[in-house]
Amino acid sequence: MSSAGVDERAPLFDALGDPNRLRIVTRLCDGGPCSTVQLTQVIPVTRQAATKHLLLLEAVGLVTSDRKGRERIWRIQPEPLAEASDYLSALSKRWDRAIDRLRAFVEEPQ
């Protein structure tokens, strides 16, 4: 994992760090595509706030939208979530190896 990889992924994790954006992503993952109005019925934010959150999620590639009449229908993009999951798995393995090295050092006979 290079620092460039961290820099590339930071905006995604930053976007997921907000509770309301995480609620939006969870809702879209669980319930499928929906409009901004439908999102605000289950997430305690105004339509304007939801739109701002959705536009930020769109900017980092987590959601896309299509116009349907006067509304936008939002849908999750699974690829960035899969990449984030892979990144966290690799990071977890690094920590596991570091803990194993520490354990071996501490348990090493003097």
Protein backbone atom coordinates (compact mmCIF):
# COMPACT_ATOMS: atom_id res chain seq x y z
CA MET A 1 0.00 0.00 0.00
CA SER A 2 1.64 3.15 -1.16
CA SER A 3 0.91 6.63 0.09
CA ALA A 4 -0.49 7.36 -3.38
CA GLY A 5 -3.05 4.60 -2.76
CA VAL A 6 -3.99 6.26 0.50
CA ASP A 7 -4.34 9.66 -1.19
CA GLU A 8 -6.59 8.16 -3.87
CA ARG A 9 -8.86 6.46 -1.34
CA ALA A 10 -9.08 9.24 1.25
CA PRO A 11 -12.01 11.07 -0.43
CA LEU A 12 -14.04 7.84 -0.49
CA PHE A 13 -13.47 7.15 3.20
CA ASP A 14 -14.09 10.82 4.00
CA ALA A 15 -17.45 10.61 2.21
CA LEU A 16 -18.37 7.47 4.15
CA GLY A 17 -17.34 9.13 7.42
CA ASP A 18 -20.47 11.26 7.60
CA PRO A 19 -23.36 9.45 9.34
CA ASN A 20 -26.02 10.75 6.94
CA ARG A 21 -24.01 9.84 3.85
CA LEU A 22 -23.40 6.40 5.33
CA ARG A 23 -27.16 6.09 5.92
CA ILE A 24 -27.79 7.04 2.28
CA VAL A 25 -25.28 4.45 1.03
CA THR A 26 -26.79 1.81 3.31
CA ARG A 27 -30.30 2.63 2.12
CA LEU A 28 -29.28 2.43 -1.54
CA CYS A 29 -27.45 -0.87 -0.93
CA ASP A 30 -30.38 -2.40 0.94
CA GLY A 31 -33.34 -0.90 -0.90
CA GLY A 32 -32.07 -0.30 -4.41
CA PRO A 33 -32.44 2.82 -6.53
CA CYS A 34 -34.65 5.61 -5.23
CA SER A 35 -35.34 9.31 -5.53
CA THR A 36 -34.16 12.07 -3.22
CA VAL A 37 -37.69 12.36 -1.85
CA GLN A 38 -37.77 8.65 -1.04
CA LEU A 39 -34.42 8.95 0.72
CA THR A 40 -35.61 11.82 2.90
CA GLN A 41 -38.55 9.69 4.04
CA VAL A 42 -36.18 7.28 5.78
CA ILE A 43 -33.17 9.53 6.52
CA PRO A 44 -33.69 12.56 8.79
CA VAL A 45 -32.43 15.29 6.44
CA THR A 46 -34.04 17.90 4.23
CA ARG A 47 -34.18 17.42 0.47
CA GLN A 48 -31.54 20.11 0.06
CA ALA A 49 -29.20 18.40 2.53
CA ALA A 50 -29.82 15.01 0.91
CA THR A 51 -29.01 16.49 -2.50
CA LYS A 52 -25.72 17.92 -1.19
CA HIS A 53 -24.80 14.55 0.31
CA LEU A 54 -25.75 12.73 -2.89
CA LEU A 55 -23.71 15.09 -5.06
CA LEU A 56 -20.67 14.51 -2.86
CA LEU A 57 -21.21 10.73 -3.04
CA GLU A 58 -21.51 11.07 -6.80
CA ALA A 59 -18.24 13.04 -6.95
CA VAL A 60 -16.36 10.15 -5.31
CA GLY A 61 -18.05 7.58 -7.54
CA LEU A 62 -20.27 5.90 -4.95
CA VAL A 63 -23.59 6.77 -6.61
CA THR A 64 -24.94 7.68 -10.01
CA SER A 65 -28.27 9.12 -11.02
CA ASP A 66 -30.66 9.22 -13.94
CA ARG A 67 -33.40 11.72 -14.56
CA LYS A 68 -36.93 10.36 -14.48
CA GLY A 69 -39.28 13.24 -15.11
CA ARG A 70 -38.55 15.92 -12.55
CA GLU A 71 -36.74 13.60 -10.18
CA ARG A 72 -33.35 11.99 -10.10
CA ILE A 73 -33.16 8.31 -9.31
CA TRP A 74 -30.02 7.45 -7.38
CA ARG A 75 -28.27 4.10 -7.41
CA ILE A 76 -25.23 2.71 -5.68
CA GLN A 77 -22.04 1.95 -7.59
CA PRO A 78 -20.60 -1.20 -5.99
CA GLU A 79 -17.07 -0.97 -7.40
CA PRO A 80 -15.79 1.76 -5.03
CA LEU A 81 -17.25 -0.13 -2.07
CA ALA A 82 -15.53 -3.33 -3.20
CA GLU A 83 -12.24 -1.44 -3.57
CA ALA A 84 -12.65 0.03 -0.08
CA SER A 85 -13.35 -3.44 1.31
CA ASP A 86 -10.26 -4.85 -0.42
CA TYR A 87 -8.17 -1.98 0.94
CA LEU A 88 -9.42 -2.54 4.50
CA SER A 89 -8.78 -6.29 4.20
CA ALA A 90 -5.20 -5.67 3.07
CA LEU A 91 -4.71 -3.19 5.92
CA SER A 92 -6.10 -5.71 8.40
CA LYS A 93 -3.64 -8.34 7.15
CA ARG A 94 -0.78 -5.87 7.64
CA TRP A 95 -1.87 -5.30 11.24
CA ASP A 96 -2.16 -9.05 11.82
CA ARG A 97 1.42 -9.53 10.59
CA ALA A 98 2.65 -6.67 12.79
CA ILE A 99 0.93 -8.18 15.83
CA ASP A 100 2.44 -11.57 15.04
CA ARG A 101 5.92 -10.01 14.86
CA LEU A 102 5.35 -8.22 18.16
CA ARG A 103 4.08 -11.42 19.79
CA ALA A 104 7.13 -13.35 18.53
CA PHE A 105 9.43 -10.62 19.87
CA VAL A 106 7.77 -10.52 23.29
CA GLU A 107 7.62 -14.30 23.62
CA GLU A 108 11.21 -14.78 22.41
CA PRO A 109 13.36 -16.42 25.09
CA GLN A 110 15.93 -14.07 26.59
